[in-house]
Amino acid sequence: MKISLSPDLERLIAEKVSSGRYRSADEVVREGLELLQERENETHRPPSNGTANLAESFANIATDVPCEDWESVPADLSKNLDHHLYGGQKTS
């Protein structure tokens, strides 16, 4: 396989090899590709609480909120969100 790299990337690879941390340019590129693959896998992972469903995720988070905190949430929060967040006019 033949690839083309910008001079900046070639310089970066050379610096990594000359630092002694890597033995070859292949090793630097291989590690970079492995990190890319890890990052790609992270973006396709379900939420960290193990649920694939957003509603389930919120339900799991809600169980960690103390009851007294839930009691302080206004009953009309969804209806008057702008009022409670920004001080806008309250709807009936």
Protein backbone atom coordinates (compact mmCIF):
# COMPACT_ATOMS: atom_id res chain seq x y z
CA MET A 1 0.00 0.00 0.00
CA LYS A 2 1.27 3.43 -0.85
CA ILE A 3 0.02 6.55 0.95
CA SER A 4 0.79 10.23 0.58
CA LEU A 5 1.33 12.38 3.64
CA SER A 6 1.72 16.11 4.05
CA PRO A 7 5.20 17.36 4.99
CA ASP A 8 3.87 18.19 8.47
CA LEU A 9 2.70 14.62 9.03
CA GLU A 10 5.97 13.22 7.70
CA ARG A 11 7.85 15.50 10.11
CA LEU A 12 5.64 14.40 13.00
CA ILE A 13 6.28 10.73 12.25
CA ALA A 14 10.03 11.37 11.98
CA GLU A 15 9.98 13.19 15.35
CA LYS A 16 8.16 10.28 17.01
CA VAL A 17 10.67 7.78 15.63
CA SER A 18 13.68 9.95 16.57
CA SER A 19 12.32 10.33 20.12
CA GLY A 20 12.97 6.63 20.59
CA ARG A 21 9.43 5.81 21.56
CA TYR A 22 8.79 4.11 18.20
CA ARG A 23 11.16 1.96 16.17
CA SER A 24 9.73 2.79 12.75
CA ALA A 25 7.30 4.97 10.83
CA ASP A 26 5.11 1.89 10.40
CA GLU A 27 4.79 1.60 14.17
CA VAL A 28 3.75 5.27 14.49
CA VAL A 29 1.13 4.94 11.75
CA ARG A 30 -0.14 1.62 13.15
CA GLU A 31 -0.67 3.15 16.61
CA GLY A 32 -2.39 6.17 15.09
CA LEU A 33 -4.77 3.91 13.18
CA GLU A 34 -5.47 1.85 16.30
CA LEU A 35 -6.36 5.03 18.20
CA LEU A 36 -8.62 6.08 15.33
CA GLN A 37 -10.36 2.72 15.46
CA GLU A 38 -10.83 3.01 19.25
CA ARG A 39 -12.34 6.48 18.82
CA GLU A 40 -14.68 5.22 16.09
CA ASN A 41 -15.78 2.35 18.35
CA GLU A 42 -16.50 4.81 21.17
CA THR A 43 -18.89 6.80 18.98
CA HIS A 44 -20.90 3.67 18.14
CA ARG A 45 -21.13 2.46 21.72
CA PRO A 46 -24.38 2.58 23.68
CA PRO A 47 -24.49 5.00 26.63
CA SER A 48 -22.10 4.16 29.43
CA ASN A 49 -24.91 3.01 31.71
CA GLY A 50 -25.42 0.02 29.43
CA THR A 51 -28.75 1.02 27.90
CA ALA A 52 -29.24 1.61 24.21
CA ASN A 53 -32.41 3.63 24.73
CA LEU A 54 -32.30 7.32 25.66
CA ALA A 55 -35.44 7.10 27.80
CA GLU A 56 -33.91 4.20 29.74
CA SER A 57 -30.74 6.24 30.22
CA PHE A 58 -32.70 9.13 31.73
CA ALA A 59 -34.68 6.73 33.91
CA ASN A 60 -31.44 5.24 35.23
CA ILE A 61 -30.02 8.68 35.93
CA ALA A 62 -33.26 9.75 37.65
CA THR A 63 -32.91 6.94 40.19
CA ASP A 64 -29.73 8.62 41.47
CA VAL A 65 -31.52 11.93 42.18
CA PRO A 66 -32.68 12.26 45.80
CA CYS A 67 -36.47 12.48 46.36
CA GLU A 68 -36.22 15.95 47.95
CA ASP A 69 -34.63 17.24 44.72
CA TRP A 70 -37.50 15.82 42.66
CA GLU A 71 -39.98 17.48 45.02
CA SER A 72 -38.44 20.88 44.24
CA VAL A 73 -39.05 20.47 40.49
CA PRO A 74 -42.07 22.61 39.52
CA ALA A 75 -45.08 20.54 38.43
CA ASP A 76 -45.53 22.79 35.39
CA LEU A 77 -41.88 22.65 34.32
CA SER A 78 -42.48 21.29 30.82
CA LYS A 79 -45.36 23.69 30.20
CA ASN A 80 -43.49 26.76 31.51
CA LEU A 81 -39.91 25.87 30.71
CA ASP A 82 -39.04 29.37 29.44
CA HIS A 83 -40.49 30.89 32.61
CA HIS A 84 -38.52 28.60 34.93
CA LEU A 85 -35.26 28.81 32.96
CA TYR A 86 -35.23 32.37 31.67
CA GLY A 87 -37.92 34.24 33.61
CA GLY A 88 -40.25 34.48 30.62
CA GLN A 89 -44.00 34.88 30.86
CA LYS A 90 -45.83 32.02 32.54
CA THR A 91 -48.60 30.28 30.64
CA SER A 92 -51.75 29.15 32.39
